[in-house]
Amino acid sequence: MHILVTGAAGFIGFHTSQKLLARGDTVVGLDNLNDYYEVSLKQARLAILEQQAGFTFVRANLEDRAALDTLFAQHRFDAVINLAAQAGVRYSLENPQAYIDSNIVGFTNILECSRHNDVGHLVYASSSSVYGINSTMPFSVHDNVDHPISLYAASKKANELMAHTYSHLFGLPTTGLRFFTVYGPWGRPDMALFLFTRAILAGEPLKVFNEGKMQRDFTYIDDIVEGVVRVTDSTATPNPDWDSANPDPGTSSAPYRIFNIGNNNPVQLLDYIGAIENALGMKAELELLPMQPGDVPATAANIDALETAVGYRPSTPVSEGIDNFIRWYREFYDA
């Protein structure tokens, strides 16, 4: 297949592109290489991709409609995997405009270009953050998610609504993927595993919010990518049993679906820190802090819909995933 991966120099985009290239797909990777986190890490990922046959890089912003129009005119994409976005719950408190530009304006451009260029399937990153103040565990795609508590989450919920509109009006097959706390080698420096590893090695205290009383469905990157690729290969179709009198938020009478991709095995944050300590052979000093605005105390993914649709359940244990990350980190940073 000929596939566009946006955010190709990002954490998930890099690994997804590698997986697609390894099985023989041709990949156009789009990224703007912004400085939300260290650009050198993005460039290092990109350098690996550019060594592989079948990969072409395009530097552009999702907000640049003219650039996207040109790109889609030059290629006939069988599928688009939209992983580019302004990420991060906490940063959305500091710079909300970045989320509107990338996640709303940019996603509109992706929808429009996919619609007008007969893309066979649009797969896009949503987030477990959309569940907001929903306290029903585990989170299910069949739950209502109308109460997000960060602008980041609201932008991802908006993406799901926008995608449904295009699926309904124009028959564009779309699948949204709600990722649950992704971690692993080549990860994002603003995520807990990266931050905690750096702090422990530097002998600095770890900032642990909600006094450590947090629980997350940490999901290893290889499991995420396997889910992304399987879903991309399984084009969204209408649910023939969808009932407007009792609507299911996870499916539709249009070719539209939503899936959770999580490990389905939530871990206490203090246990996660313990696994990092074990992998490093060092103890951490903890600075216990109150809950951050926009954050939630726990996440857990119901992945039944994903398993039914594509026959897959993530399964990598946290201890194994953290060991893999620490080995990569020590080699990459010579730490």
C-alpha atoms as a PDB file:
ATOM      1  CA  MET A   1       0.000   0.000   0.000  1.00  0.00           C
ATOM      2  CA  HIS A   2       0.972   3.632  -0.468  1.00  0.00           C
ATOM      3  CA  ILE A   3       0.445   5.336   2.905  1.00  0.00           C
ATOM      4  CA  LEU A   4       0.820   8.847   4.290  1.00  0.00           C
ATOM      5  CA  VAL A   5       1.991   8.929   7.900  1.00  0.00           C
ATOM      6  CA  THR A   6       1.808  12.371   9.483  1.00  0.00           C
ATOM      7  CA  GLY A   7       3.996  13.025  12.501  1.00  0.00           C
ATOM      8  CA  ALA A   8       6.490  10.537  11.034  1.00  0.00           C
ATOM      9  CA  ALA A   9       9.411  11.935  13.047  1.00  0.00           C
ATOM     10  CA  GLY A  10       7.378  11.657  16.239  1.00  0.00           C
ATOM     11  CA  PHE A  11       7.403   8.753  18.676  1.00  0.00           C
ATOM     12  CA  ILE A  12       4.448   6.720  17.372  1.00  0.00           C
ATOM     13  CA  GLY A  13       4.812   7.921  13.785  1.00  0.00           C
ATOM     14  CA  PHE A  14       8.440   6.770  13.628  1.00  0.00           C
ATOM     15  CA  HIS A  15       7.656   3.261  14.867  1.00  0.00           C
ATOM     16  CA  THR A  16       4.551   2.992  12.673  1.00  0.00           C
ATOM     17  CA  SER A  17       6.516   4.014   9.595  1.00  0.00           C
ATOM     18  CA  GLN A  18       9.181   1.412  10.385  1.00  0.00           C
ATOM     19  CA  LYS A  19       6.546  -1.312  10.696  1.00  0.00           C
ATOM     20  CA  LEU A  20       4.920  -0.390   7.386  1.00  0.00           C
ATOM     21  CA  LEU A  21       8.243  -0.189   5.548  1.00  0.00           C
ATOM     22  CA  ALA A  22       9.354  -3.545   6.953  1.00  0.00           C
ATOM     23  CA  ARG A  23       6.342  -5.265   5.404  1.00  0.00           C
ATOM     24  CA  GLY A  24       6.892  -3.614   2.018  1.00  0.00           C
ATOM     25  CA  ASP A  25       4.575  -0.611   2.007  1.00  0.00           C
ATOM     26  CA  THR A  26       5.716   2.710   0.577  1.00  0.00           C
ATOM     27  CA  VAL A  27       5.467   5.530   3.097  1.00  0.00           C
ATOM     28  CA  VAL A  28       5.392   9.290   2.726  1.00  0.00           C
ATOM     29  CA  GLY A  29       6.264  10.738   6.121  1.00  0.00           C
ATOM     30  CA  LEU A  30       5.146  14.269   6.907  1.00  0.00           C
ATOM     31  CA  ASP A  31       6.415  16.244   9.891  1.00  0.00           C
ATOM     32  CA  ASN A  32       7.131  19.877  10.736  1.00  0.00           C
ATOM     33  CA  LEU A  33       9.980  19.030  13.174  1.00  0.00           C
ATOM     34  CA  ASN A  34       8.740  21.616  15.653  1.00  0.00           C
ATOM     35  CA  ASP A  35      10.546  22.329  18.920  1.00  0.00           C
ATOM     36  CA  TYR A  36       7.866  21.171  21.388  1.00  0.00           C
ATOM     37  CA  TYR A  37      10.633  18.833  22.539  1.00  0.00           C
ATOM     38  CA  GLU A  38      14.247  18.364  21.485  1.00  0.00           C
ATOM     39  CA  VAL A  39      14.441  18.479  17.694  1.00  0.00           C
ATOM     40  CA  SER A  40      17.612  16.382  17.694  1.00  0.00           C
ATOM     41  CA  LEU A  41      15.591  13.348  18.807  1.00  0.00           C
ATOM     42  CA  LYS A  42      13.137  13.826  15.940  1.00  0.00           C
ATOM     43  CA  GLN A  43      16.027  14.226  13.507  1.00  0.00           C
ATOM     44  CA  ALA A  44      17.629  11.022  14.780  1.00  0.00           C
ATOM     45  CA  ARG A  45      14.406   9.090  14.207  1.00  0.00           C
ATOM     46  CA  LEU A  46      14.043  10.631  10.766  1.00  0.00           C
ATOM     47  CA  ALA A  47      17.616   9.732   9.818  1.00  0.00           C
ATOM     48  CA  ILE A  48      16.816   6.058  10.416  1.00  0.00           C
ATOM     49  CA  LEU A  49      13.671   6.218   8.281  1.00  0.00           C
ATOM     50  CA  GLU A  50      15.449   7.982   5.426  1.00  0.00           C
ATOM     51  CA  GLN A  51      17.911   5.091   5.163  1.00  0.00           C
ATOM     52  CA  GLN A  52      15.089   2.696   4.312  1.00  0.00           C
ATOM     53  CA  ALA A  53      13.801   1.973   0.819  1.00  0.00           C
ATOM     54  CA  GLY A  54      10.255   3.128   0.179  1.00  0.00           C
ATOM     55  CA  PHE A  55      10.325   6.146   2.482  1.00  0.00           C
ATOM     56  CA  THR A  56       9.948   9.776   1.380  1.00  0.00           C
ATOM     57  CA  PHE A  57      10.018  12.706   3.801  1.00  0.00           C
ATOM     58  CA  VAL A  58       8.040  15.918   3.405  1.00  0.00           C
ATOM     59  CA  ARG A  59       8.506  18.776   5.862  1.00  0.00           C
ATOM     60  CA  ALA A  60       5.254  20.709   6.299  1.00  0.00           C
ATOM     61  CA  ASN A  61       2.663  21.846   8.828  1.00  0.00           C
ATOM     62  CA  LEU A  62      -0.818  20.334   8.870  1.00  0.00           C
ATOM     63  CA  GLU A  63      -2.128  23.898   8.971  1.00  0.00           C
ATOM     64  CA  ASP A  64      -0.557  24.626   5.576  1.00  0.00           C
ATOM     65  CA  ARG A  65      -3.452  23.727   3.290  1.00  0.00           C
ATOM     66  CA  ALA A  66      -1.569  24.607   0.108  1.00  0.00           C
ATOM     67  CA  ALA A  67       1.279  22.248   1.018  1.00  0.00           C
ATOM     68  CA  LEU A  68      -1.145  19.441   1.763  1.00  0.00           C
ATOM     69  CA  ASP A  69      -3.066  20.035  -1.468  1.00  0.00           C
ATOM     70  CA  THR A  70       0.194  19.731  -3.397  1.00  0.00           C
ATOM     71  CA  LEU A  71       1.206  16.582  -1.518  1.00  0.00           C
ATOM     72  CA  PHE A  72      -2.116  14.810  -2.089  1.00  0.00           C
ATOM     73  CA  ALA A  73      -2.092  15.829  -5.767  1.00  0.00           C
ATOM     74  CA  GLN A  74       1.324  14.214  -6.205  1.00  0.00           C
ATOM     75  CA  HIS A  75       0.362  10.914  -4.562  1.00  0.00           C
ATOM     76  CA  ARG A  76      -2.603   8.583  -4.565  1.00  0.00           C
ATOM     77  CA  PHE A  77      -2.694   7.377  -0.970  1.00  0.00           C
ATOM     78  CA  ASP A  78      -4.439   4.120  -0.175  1.00  0.00           C
ATOM     79  CA  ALA A  79      -4.562   5.173   3.474  1.00  0.00           C
ATOM     80  CA  VAL A  80      -3.659   8.107   5.680  1.00  0.00           C
ATOM     81  CA  ILE A  81      -2.465   7.573   9.263  1.00  0.00           C
ATOM     82  CA  ASN A  82      -2.698  10.950  10.976  1.00  0.00           C
ATOM     83  CA  LEU A  83      -0.443  10.920  14.038  1.00  0.00           C
ATOM     84  CA  ALA A  84       0.710  14.551  13.834  1.00  0.00           C
ATOM     85  CA  ALA A  85      -0.787  16.698  16.578  1.00  0.00           C
ATOM     86  CA  GLN A  86       0.078  19.059  19.367  1.00  0.00           C
ATOM     87  CA  ALA A  87       0.341  16.607  22.232  1.00  0.00           C
ATOM     88  CA  GLY A  88       0.322  16.949  26.000  1.00  0.00           C
ATOM     89  CA  VAL A  89      -2.349  17.711  28.572  1.00  0.00           C
ATOM     90  CA  ARG A  90      -0.231  20.076  30.656  1.00  0.00           C
ATOM     91  CA  TYR A  91       1.111  22.124  27.750  1.00  0.00           C
ATOM     92  CA  SER A  92      -2.463  22.845  26.669  1.00  0.00           C
ATOM     93  CA  LEU A  93      -2.788  24.994  29.797  1.00  0.00           C
ATOM     94  CA  GLU A  94       0.147  27.132  28.635  1.00  0.00           C
ATOM     95  CA  ASN A  95      -0.337  27.351  24.882  1.00  0.00           C
ATOM     96  CA  PRO A  96      -3.951  26.598  23.880  1.00  0.00           C
ATOM     97  CA  GLN A  97      -3.573  28.180  20.442  1.00  0.00           C
ATOM     98  CA  ALA A  98      -1.121  25.469  19.380  1.00  0.00           C
ATOM     99  CA  TYR A  99      -3.866  22.883  19.867  1.00  0.00           C
ATOM    100  CA  ILE A 100      -6.363  24.805  17.773  1.00  0.00           C
ATOM    101  CA  ASP A 101      -3.848  25.300  14.968  1.00  0.00           C
ATOM    102  CA  SER A 102      -2.577  21.722  14.748  1.00  0.00           C
ATOM    103  CA  ASN A 103      -5.387  19.587  16.112  1.00  0.00           C
ATOM    104  CA  ILE A 104      -8.399  21.471  14.726  1.00  0.00           C
ATOM    105  CA  VAL A 105      -7.255  23.447  11.671  1.00  0.00           C
ATOM    106  CA  GLY A 106      -4.694  20.813  10.725  1.00  0.00           C
ATOM    107  CA  PHE A 107      -7.120  17.931  11.090  1.00  0.00           C
ATOM    108  CA  THR A 108      -9.703  19.760   8.983  1.00  0.00           C
ATOM    109  CA  ASN A 109      -7.108  19.961   6.211  1.00  0.00           C
ATOM    110  CA  ILE A 110      -6.424  16.227   6.494  1.00  0.00           C
ATOM    111  CA  LEU A 111     -10.152  15.493   6.250  1.00  0.00           C
ATOM    112  CA  GLU A 112     -10.585  17.761   3.246  1.00  0.00           C
ATOM    113  CA  CYS A 113      -7.582  16.368   1.381  1.00  0.00           C
ATOM    114  CA  SER A 114      -8.630  12.783   2.144  1.00  0.00           C
ATOM    115  CA  ARG A 115     -12.155  13.486   0.938  1.00  0.00           C
ATOM    116  CA  HIS A 116     -11.154  15.154  -2.313  1.00  0.00           C
ATOM    117  CA  ASN A 117      -8.465  12.617  -3.183  1.00  0.00           C
ATOM    118  CA  ASP A 118     -10.406   9.382  -2.620  1.00  0.00           C
ATOM    119  CA  VAL A 119      -8.319   8.109   0.302  1.00  0.00           C
ATOM    120  CA  GLY A 120      -9.456   4.586   1.095  1.00  0.00           C
ATOM    121  CA  HIS A 121      -9.143   4.834   4.895  1.00  0.00           C
ATOM    122  CA  LEU A 122      -8.258   7.635   7.302  1.00  0.00           C
ATOM    123  CA  VAL A 123      -6.879   6.413  10.627  1.00  0.00           C
ATOM    124  CA  TYR A 124      -6.143   9.093  13.215  1.00  0.00           C
ATOM    125  CA  ALA A 125      -4.831   9.422  16.743  1.00  0.00           C
ATOM    126  CA  SER A 126      -7.320  10.253  19.439  1.00  0.00           C
ATOM    127  CA  SER A 127      -6.510   9.892  23.139  1.00  0.00           C
ATOM    128  CA  SER A 128      -7.650   8.289  26.378  1.00  0.00           C
ATOM    129  CA  SER A 129      -7.861  11.879  27.640  1.00  0.00           C
ATOM    130  CA  VAL A 130     -11.257  12.225  25.956  1.00  0.00           C
ATOM    131  CA  TYR A 131     -12.810  10.200  28.794  1.00  0.00           C
ATOM    132  CA  GLY A 132     -12.361  13.219  31.068  1.00  0.00           C
ATOM    133  CA  ILE A 133     -14.341  12.957  34.274  1.00  0.00           C
ATOM    134  CA  ASN A 134     -15.876   9.630  33.273  1.00  0.00           C
ATOM    135  CA  SER A 135     -15.341   7.423  36.335  1.00  0.00           C
ATOM    136  CA  THR A 136     -16.657   4.147  34.892  1.00  0.00           C
ATOM    137  CA  MET A 137     -13.742   1.729  34.646  1.00  0.00           C
ATOM    138  CA  PRO A 138     -12.457   0.372  32.375  1.00  0.00           C
ATOM    139  CA  PHE A 139     -13.101   3.097  29.807  1.00  0.00           C
ATOM    140  CA  SER A 140     -15.175   1.798  26.915  1.00  0.00           C
ATOM    141  CA  VAL A 141     -15.681   3.206  23.419  1.00  0.00           C
ATOM    142  CA  HIS A 142     -19.380   2.664  24.083  1.00  0.00           C
ATOM    143  CA  ASP A 143     -19.276   5.274  26.896  1.00  0.00           C
ATOM    144  CA  ASN A 144     -20.302   8.905  26.501  1.00  0.00           C
ATOM    145  CA  VAL A 145     -17.262  11.227  26.443  1.00  0.00           C
ATOM    146  CA  ASP A 146     -18.852  14.662  26.522  1.00  0.00           C
ATOM    147  CA  HIS A 147     -16.949  15.988  29.554  1.00  0.00           C
ATOM    148  CA  PRO A 148     -13.226  16.452  28.741  1.00  0.00           C
ATOM    149  CA  ILE A 149     -11.165  18.381  31.286  1.00  0.00           C
ATOM    150  CA  SER A 150      -8.312  19.739  29.143  1.00  0.00           C
ATOM    151  CA  LEU A 151      -8.182  21.558  25.826  1.00  0.00           C
ATOM    152  CA  TYR A 152      -6.005  18.743  24.488  1.00  0.00           C
ATOM    153  CA  ALA A 153      -8.758  16.246  25.274  1.00  0.00           C
ATOM    154  CA  ALA A 154     -11.398  18.560  23.823  1.00  0.00           C
ATOM    155  CA  SER A 155      -9.415  18.855  20.581  1.00  0.00           C
ATOM    156  CA  LYS A 156      -9.254  15.072  20.285  1.00  0.00           C
ATOM    157  CA  LYS A 157     -12.953  14.718  20.994  1.00  0.00           C
ATOM    158  CA  ALA A 158     -13.531  17.353  18.305  1.00  0.00           C
ATOM    159  CA  ASN A 159     -11.470  15.249  15.871  1.00  0.00           C
ATOM    160  CA  GLU A 160     -13.771  12.299  16.476  1.00  0.00           C
ATOM    161  CA  LEU A 161     -16.854  14.435  15.812  1.00  0.00           C
ATOM    162  CA  MET A 162     -15.313  15.966  12.704  1.00  0.00           C
ATOM    163  CA  ALA A 163     -14.359  12.532  11.363  1.00  0.00           C
ATOM    164  CA  HIS A 164     -17.897  11.256  11.888  1.00  0.00           C
ATOM    165  CA  THR A 165     -19.283  14.179   9.934  1.00  0.00           C
ATOM    166  CA  TYR A 166     -17.038  13.390   6.955  1.00  0.00           C
ATOM    167  CA  SER A 167     -17.847   9.686   7.191  1.00  0.00           C
ATOM    168  CA  HIS A 168     -21.566  10.488   7.178  1.00  0.00           C
ATOM    169  CA  LEU A 169     -21.619  13.221   4.517  1.00  0.00           C
ATOM    170  CA  PHE A 170     -18.967  11.952   2.128  1.00  0.00           C
ATOM    171  CA  GLY A 171     -18.588   8.255   2.873  1.00  0.00           C
ATOM    172  CA  LEU A 172     -14.956   8.692   3.964  1.00  0.00           C
ATOM    173  CA  PRO A 173     -13.994   5.637   6.055  1.00  0.00           C
ATOM    174  CA  THR A 174     -12.458   6.860   9.324  1.00  0.00           C
ATOM    175  CA  THR A 175     -11.138   5.117  12.423  1.00  0.00           C
ATOM    176  CA  GLY A 176     -10.096   6.951  15.583  1.00  0.00           C
ATOM    177  CA  LEU A 177      -7.652   5.346  18.006  1.00  0.00           C
ATOM    178  CA  ARG A 178      -7.666   6.317  21.664  1.00  0.00           C
ATOM    179  CA  PHE A 179      -4.110   5.660  22.806  1.00  0.00           C
ATOM    180  CA  PHE A 180      -3.429   4.925  26.475  1.00  0.00           C
ATOM    181  CA  THR A 181      -0.122   6.250  27.905  1.00  0.00           C
ATOM    182  CA  VAL A 182       2.325   5.047  25.274  1.00  0.00           C
ATOM    183  CA  TYR A 183       5.929   4.356  26.325  1.00  0.00           C
ATOM    184  CA  GLY A 184       9.039   2.665  24.997  1.00  0.00           C
ATOM    185  CA  PRO A 185      12.320   3.288  23.108  1.00  0.00           C
ATOM    186  CA  TRP A 186      12.522   6.574  21.181  1.00  0.00           C
ATOM    187  CA  GLY A 187       9.723   7.943  23.382  1.00  0.00           C
ATOM    188  CA  ARG A 188       8.710  11.535  24.029  1.00  0.00           C
ATOM    189  CA  PRO A 189      10.862  13.450  26.541  1.00  0.00           C
ATOM    190  CA  ASP A 190       7.779  15.040  28.144  1.00  0.00           C
ATOM    191  CA  MET A 191       6.357  11.659  29.182  1.00  0.00           C
ATOM    192  CA  ALA A 192       6.742  10.119  32.650  1.00  0.00           C
ATOM    193  CA  LEU A 193       9.185   7.348  31.746  1.00  0.00           C
ATOM    194  CA  PHE A 194      11.605   9.769  30.085  1.00  0.00           C
ATOM    195  CA  LEU A 195      11.297  12.384  32.834  1.00  0.00           C
ATOM    196  CA  PHE A 196      11.718   9.867  35.646  1.00  0.00           C
ATOM    197  CA  THR A 197      14.702   8.146  34.032  1.00  0.00           C
ATOM    198  CA  ARG A 198      16.508  11.437  33.465  1.00  0.00           C
ATOM    199  CA  ALA A 199      15.831  12.606  37.018  1.00  0.00           C
ATOM    200  CA  ILE A 200      17.001   9.374  38.664  1.00  0.00           C
ATOM    201  CA  LEU A 201      20.223   9.319  36.651  1.00  0.00           C
ATOM    202  CA  ALA A 202      20.833  12.974  37.538  1.00  0.00           C
ATOM    203  CA  GLY A 203      20.143  12.391  41.232  1.00  0.00           C
ATOM    204  CA  GLU A 204      17.161  14.750  41.124  1.00  0.00           C
ATOM    205  CA  PRO A 205      13.794  14.198  42.836  1.00  0.00           C
ATOM    206  CA  LEU A 206      10.890  12.919  40.777  1.00  0.00           C
ATOM    207  CA  LYS A 207       7.831  15.160  40.647  1.00  0.00           C
ATOM    208  CA  VAL A 208       5.022  12.734  41.456  1.00  0.00           C
ATOM    209  CA  PHE A 209       1.556  14.228  41.167  1.00  0.00           C
ATOM    210  CA  ASN A 210      -1.513  13.345  43.230  1.00  0.00           C
ATOM    211  CA  GLU A 211       1.014  12.120  45.819  1.00  0.00           C
ATOM    212  CA  GLY A 212       1.586   9.034  43.703  1.00  0.00           C
ATOM    213  CA  LYS A 213      -2.052   7.912  43.896  1.00  0.00           C
ATOM    214  CA  MET A 214      -2.254   7.561  40.133  1.00  0.00           C
ATOM    215  CA  GLN A 215      -3.006   4.577  37.956  1.00  0.00           C
ATOM    216  CA  ARG A 216      -2.277   4.344  34.247  1.00  0.00           C
ATOM    217  CA  ASP A 217      -2.844   1.801  31.507  1.00  0.00           C
ATOM    218  CA  PHE A 218       0.760   2.031  30.263  1.00  0.00           C
ATOM    219  CA  THR A 219       0.939   0.641  26.713  1.00  0.00           C
ATOM    220  CA  TYR A 220       4.181  -0.424  25.045  1.00  0.00           C
ATOM    221  CA  ILE A 221       4.957   1.161  21.684  1.00  0.00           C
ATOM    222  CA  ASP A 222       5.156  -2.140  19.760  1.00  0.00           C
ATOM    223  CA  ASP A 223       1.657  -3.019  20.947  1.00  0.00           C
ATOM    224  CA  ILE A 224       0.353   0.368  19.856  1.00  0.00           C
ATOM    225  CA  VAL A 225       1.912   0.044  16.411  1.00  0.00           C
ATOM    226  CA  GLU A 226       0.581  -3.472  15.880  1.00  0.00           C
ATOM    227  CA  GLY A 227      -2.895  -2.153  16.636  1.00  0.00           C
ATOM    228  CA  VAL A 228      -2.476   0.843  14.321  1.00  0.00           C
ATOM    229  CA  VAL A 229      -1.365  -1.297  11.387  1.00  0.00           C
ATOM    230  CA  ARG A 230      -4.054  -3.931  11.869  1.00  0.00           C
ATOM    231  CA  VAL A 231      -6.726  -1.264  12.057  1.00  0.00           C
ATOM    232  CA  THR A 232      -5.381   0.477   8.945  1.00  0.00           C
ATOM    233  CA  ASP A 233      -5.716  -2.802   7.040  1.00  0.00           C
ATOM    234  CA  SER A 234      -9.312  -3.222   8.235  1.00  0.00           C
ATOM    235  CA  THR A 235     -11.209  -0.380   6.563  1.00  0.00           C
ATOM    236  CA  ALA A 236     -14.053   1.111   8.580  1.00  0.00           C
ATOM    237  CA  THR A 237     -17.552   0.098   7.476  1.00  0.00           C
ATOM    238  CA  PRO A 238     -21.040   1.062   8.684  1.00  0.00           C
ATOM    239  CA  ASN A 239     -22.474  -0.867  11.625  1.00  0.00           C
ATOM    240  CA  PRO A 240     -25.637  -2.482  10.199  1.00  0.00           C
ATOM    241  CA  ASP A 241     -27.089  -2.829  13.696  1.00  0.00           C
ATOM    242  CA  TRP A 242     -26.571   0.804  14.681  1.00  0.00           C
ATOM    243  CA  ASP A 243     -29.720   2.194  16.273  1.00  0.00           C
ATOM    244  CA  SER A 244     -30.366   5.944  16.285  1.00  0.00           C
ATOM    245  CA  ALA A 245     -32.805   5.507  19.159  1.00  0.00           C
ATOM    246  CA  ASN A 246     -30.032   3.945  21.261  1.00  0.00           C
ATOM    247  CA  PRO A 247     -26.849   5.224  19.616  1.00  0.00           C
ATOM    248  CA  ASP A 248     -23.484   3.556  20.159  1.00  0.00           C
ATOM    249  CA  PRO A 249     -20.737   6.232  20.363  1.00  0.00           C
ATOM    250  CA  GLY A 250     -18.085   3.780  19.162  1.00  0.00           C
ATOM    251  CA  THR A 251     -19.688   2.952  15.800  1.00  0.00           C
ATOM    252  CA  SER A 252     -22.169   4.481  13.380  1.00  0.00           C
ATOM    253  CA  SER A 253     -24.456   3.959  10.422  1.00  0.00           C
ATOM    254  CA  ALA A 254     -21.586   5.686   8.567  1.00  0.00           C
ATOM    255  CA  PRO A 255     -18.167   4.070   7.903  1.00  0.00           C
ATOM    256  CA  TYR A 256     -16.820   5.289  11.241  1.00  0.00           C
ATOM    257  CA  ARG A 257     -15.284   3.535  14.258  1.00  0.00           C
ATOM    258  CA  ILE A 258     -13.482   4.308  17.495  1.00  0.00           C
ATOM    259  CA  PHE A 259     -11.133   1.899  19.268  1.00  0.00           C
ATOM    260  CA  ASN A 260      -9.170   1.981  22.499  1.00  0.00           C
ATOM    261  CA  ILE A 261      -5.585   0.730  22.296  1.00  0.00           C
ATOM    262  CA  GLY A 262      -4.378   0.076  25.818  1.00  0.00           C
ATOM    263  CA  ASN A 263      -2.605  -2.659  27.728  1.00  0.00           C
ATOM    264  CA  ASN A 264      -5.811  -3.510  29.611  1.00  0.00           C
ATOM    265  CA  ASN A 265      -3.739  -3.913  32.779  1.00  0.00           C
ATOM    266  CA  PRO A 266      -3.497  -0.636  34.752  1.00  0.00           C
ATOM    267  CA  VAL A 267      -0.404  -0.099  36.895  1.00  0.00           C
ATOM    268  CA  GLN A 268      -0.016   2.038  40.005  1.00  0.00           C
ATOM    269  CA  LEU A 269       2.363   4.935  39.350  1.00  0.00           C
ATOM    270  CA  LEU A 270       4.560   4.026  42.332  1.00  0.00           C
ATOM    271  CA  ASP A 271       4.896   0.473  40.976  1.00  0.00           C
ATOM    272  CA  TYR A 272       5.864   1.939  37.585  1.00  0.00           C
ATOM    273  CA  ILE A 273       8.558   4.000  39.295  1.00  0.00           C
ATOM    274  CA  GLY A 274       9.700   0.852  41.078  1.00  0.00           C
ATOM    275  CA  ALA A 275      10.147  -0.911  37.747  1.00  0.00           C
ATOM    276  CA  ILE A 276      12.283   2.009  36.511  1.00  0.00           C
ATOM    277  CA  GLU A 277      14.396   1.809  39.685  1.00  0.00           C
ATOM    278  CA  ASN A 278      14.908  -1.919  39.129  1.00  0.00           C
ATOM    279  CA  ALA A 279      15.923  -1.422  35.502  1.00  0.00           C
ATOM    280  CA  LEU A 280      18.394   1.342  36.420  1.00  0.00           C
ATOM    281  CA  GLY A 281      19.658  -0.277  39.621  1.00  0.00           C
ATOM    282  CA  MET A 282      19.113   3.052  41.393  1.00  0.00           C
ATOM    283  CA  LYS A 283      16.630   4.416  43.936  1.00  0.00           C
ATOM    284  CA  ALA A 284      14.494   7.469  43.274  1.00  0.00           C
ATOM    285  CA  GLU A 285      13.819  10.429  45.527  1.00  0.00           C
ATOM    286  CA  LEU A 286      10.134  11.358  45.352  1.00  0.00           C
ATOM    287  CA  GLU A 287       8.635  14.839  45.563  1.00  0.00           C
ATOM    288  CA  LEU A 288       4.947  14.221  46.224  1.00  0.00           C
ATOM    289  CA  LEU A 289       2.759  16.952  44.725  1.00  0.00           C
ATOM    290  CA  PRO A 290      -0.994  17.617  44.377  1.00  0.00           C
ATOM    291  CA  MET A 291      -2.982  16.703  41.277  1.00  0.00           C
ATOM    292  CA  GLN A 292      -2.215  18.742  38.157  1.00  0.00           C
ATOM    293  CA  PRO A 293      -5.101  20.651  36.534  1.00  0.00           C
ATOM    294  CA  GLY A 294      -6.533  18.746  33.567  1.00  0.00           C
ATOM    295  CA  ASP A 295      -5.207  15.388  34.786  1.00  0.00           C
ATOM    296  CA  VAL A 296      -7.191  12.336  35.882  1.00  0.00           C
ATOM    297  CA  PRO A 297      -6.339   9.903  38.706  1.00  0.00           C
ATOM    298  CA  ALA A 298      -6.727   6.700  36.697  1.00  0.00           C
ATOM    299  CA  THR A 299      -7.077   5.280  33.189  1.00  0.00           C
ATOM    300  CA  ALA A 300      -7.951   1.761  32.070  1.00  0.00           C
ATOM    301  CA  ALA A 301      -8.860   0.560  28.596  1.00  0.00           C
ATOM    302  CA  ASN A 302     -11.642  -1.799  27.615  1.00  0.00           C
ATOM    303  CA  ILE A 303     -10.238  -3.250  24.372  1.00  0.00           C
ATOM    304  CA  ASP A 304     -12.990  -5.729  23.528  1.00  0.00           C
ATOM    305  CA  ALA A 305     -14.005  -3.765  20.414  1.00  0.00           C
ATOM    306  CA  LEU A 306     -10.427  -3.796  19.108  1.00  0.00           C
ATOM    307  CA  GLU A 307     -10.063  -7.517  19.677  1.00  0.00           C
ATOM    308  CA  THR A 308     -13.396  -8.263  17.983  1.00  0.00           C
ATOM    309  CA  ALA A 309     -12.533  -6.130  14.950  1.00  0.00           C
ATOM    310  CA  VAL A 310      -8.900  -7.071  14.304  1.00  0.00           C
ATOM    311  CA  GLY A 311      -8.150  -9.982  16.635  1.00  0.00           C
ATOM    312  CA  TYR A 312      -5.558  -8.210  18.720  1.00  0.00           C
ATOM    313  CA  ARG A 313      -4.904  -7.441  22.388  1.00  0.00           C
ATOM    314  CA  PRO A 314      -1.761  -5.624  23.607  1.00  0.00           C
ATOM    315  CA  SER A 315       0.200  -7.814  26.008  1.00  0.00           C
ATOM    316  CA  THR A 316       3.731  -6.510  26.724  1.00  0.00           C
ATOM    317  CA  PRO A 317       4.392  -6.452  30.508  1.00  0.00           C
ATOM    318  CA  VAL A 318       5.492  -3.103  31.929  1.00  0.00           C
ATOM    319  CA  SER A 319       8.713  -4.580  33.327  1.00  0.00           C
ATOM    320  CA  GLU A 320       9.746  -5.801  29.861  1.00  0.00           C
ATOM    321  CA  GLY A 321       8.828  -2.525  28.179  1.00  0.00           C
ATOM    322  CA  ILE A 322      10.731  -0.442  30.724  1.00  0.00           C
ATOM    323  CA  ASP A 323      13.816  -2.655  30.429  1.00  0.00           C
ATOM    324  CA  ASN A 324      13.765  -2.116  26.652  1.00  0.00           C
ATOM    325  CA  PHE A 325      13.460   1.638  27.110  1.00  0.00           C
ATOM    326  CA  ILE A 326      16.314   1.850  29.631  1.00  0.00           C
ATOM    327  CA  ARG A 327      18.638  -0.088  27.310  1.00  0.00           C
ATOM    328  CA  TRP A 328      17.797   2.270  24.462  1.00  0.00           C
ATOM    329  CA  TYR A 329      18.141   5.374  26.665  1.00  0.00           C
ATOM    330  CA  ARG A 330      21.560   4.421  28.003  1.00  0.00           C
ATOM    331  CA  GLU A 331      22.839   3.719  24.490  1.00  0.00           C
ATOM    332  CA  PHE A 332      21.309   6.805  22.830  1.00  0.00           C
ATOM    333  CA  TYR A 333      22.373   9.264  25.533  1.00  0.00           C
ATOM    334  CA  ASP A 334      25.517   7.371  26.610  1.00  0.00           C
ATOM    335  CA  ALA A 335      24.115   7.461  30.143  1.00  0.00           C
END
